[in-house]
C-alpha atoms as a PDB file:
ATOM      1  CA  MET A   1      78.665  83.626 116.827  1.00  0.00           C
ATOM      2  CA  ASN A   2      75.553  82.567 114.978  1.00  0.00           C
ATOM      3  CA  ARG A   3      75.270  81.162 111.448  1.00  0.00           C
ATOM      4  CA  THR A   4      74.286  84.454 109.795  1.00  0.00           C
ATOM      5  CA  ASN A   5      77.321  86.284 111.134  1.00  0.00           C
ATOM      6  CA  LEU A   6      79.594  83.415 110.115  1.00  0.00           C
ATOM      7  CA  MET A   7      78.127  83.451 106.590  1.00  0.00           C
ATOM      8  CA  PHE A   8      78.710  87.218 106.268  1.00  0.00           C
ATOM      9  CA  LEU A   9      82.263  86.784 107.535  1.00  0.00           C
ATOM     10  CA  ILE A  10      83.015  84.075 104.957  1.00  0.00           C
ATOM     11  CA  VAL A  11      81.424  86.026 102.092  1.00  0.00           C
ATOM     12  CA  GLY A  12      83.315  89.173 103.110  1.00  0.00           C
ATOM     13  CA  ALA A  13      86.616  87.300 103.264  1.00  0.00           C
ATOM     14  CA  LEU A  14      85.993  85.838  99.804  1.00  0.00           C
ATOM     15  CA  LEU A  15      85.189  89.267  98.377  1.00  0.00           C
ATOM     16  CA  VAL A  16      88.338  90.797  99.848  1.00  0.00           C
ATOM     17  CA  GLY A  17      90.484  87.901  98.648  1.00  0.00           C
ATOM     18  CA  GLY A  18      88.982  88.037  95.158  1.00  0.00           C
ATOM     19  CA  SER A  19      89.518  91.777  94.949  1.00  0.00           C
ATOM     20  CA  ILE A  20      93.166  91.468  95.953  1.00  0.00           C
ATOM     21  CA  TYR A  21      93.728  88.661  93.441  1.00  0.00           C
ATOM     22  CA  GLY A  22      92.052  90.648  90.652  1.00  0.00           C
ATOM     23  CA  TYR A  23      94.202  93.702  91.359  1.00  0.00           C
ATOM     24  CA  GLN A  24      97.387  91.623  91.282  1.00  0.00           C
ATOM     25  CA  VAL A  25      96.419  90.073  87.932  1.00  0.00           C
ATOM     26  CA  TYR A  26      95.651  93.541  86.561  1.00  0.00           C
ATOM     27  CA  GLN A  27      99.043  94.878  87.685  1.00  0.00           C
ATOM     28  CA  GLU A  28     100.883  91.965  86.049  1.00  0.00           C
ATOM     29  CA  ARG A  29      99.112  92.367  82.693  1.00  0.00           C
ATOM     30  CA  LYS A  30      99.234  96.128  82.231  1.00  0.00           C
ATOM     31  CA  GLU A  31     101.975  97.687  80.137  1.00  0.00           C
ATOM     32  CA  PRO A  32     104.864  99.110  82.113  1.00  0.00           C
ATOM     33  CA  GLN A  33     105.328 102.862  81.861  1.00  0.00           C
ATOM     34  CA  GLY A  34     108.626 104.559  81.245  1.00  0.00           C
ATOM     35  CA  VAL A  35     111.432 103.856  78.789  1.00  0.00           C
ATOM     36  CA  GLN A  36     112.142 100.523  77.130  1.00  0.00           C
ATOM     37  CA  ILE A  37     115.651  99.868  75.769  1.00  0.00           C
ATOM     38  CA  ASN A  38     116.135  96.989  73.333  1.00  0.00           C
ATOM     39  CA  LEU A  39     119.465  95.643  72.087  1.00  0.00           C
ATOM     40  CA  GLY A  40     119.007  93.632  68.920  1.00  0.00           C
ATOM     41  CA  PRO A  41     120.611  92.825  65.569  1.00  0.00           C
ATOM     42  CA  ASN A  42     119.752  96.324  64.284  1.00  0.00           C
ATOM     43  CA  GLY A  43     121.444  98.036  67.198  1.00  0.00           C
ATOM     44  CA  VAL A  44     119.964  99.817  70.193  1.00  0.00           C
ATOM     45  CA  THR A  45     116.381 101.095  70.153  1.00  0.00           C
ATOM     46  CA  VAL A  46     114.772 103.265  72.803  1.00  0.00           C
ATOM     47  CA  GLU A  47     110.990 103.517  73.109  1.00  0.00           C
ATOM     48  CA  LYS A  48     109.052 105.768  75.436  1.00  0.00           C
ATOM     49  CA  LYS A  49     105.948 104.056  76.816  1.00  0.00           C
END
């Protein structure tokens, strides 16, 4: 394997890893969809998201 192929392999691996990391961060930060039920001092509240 020559240097050029090794460089492309490393750059490709970094791009794939960065894409996966970015997607995971996006999934953690986005609002969940569905129904949210809160139990607080004012009783029970139900919100549709």
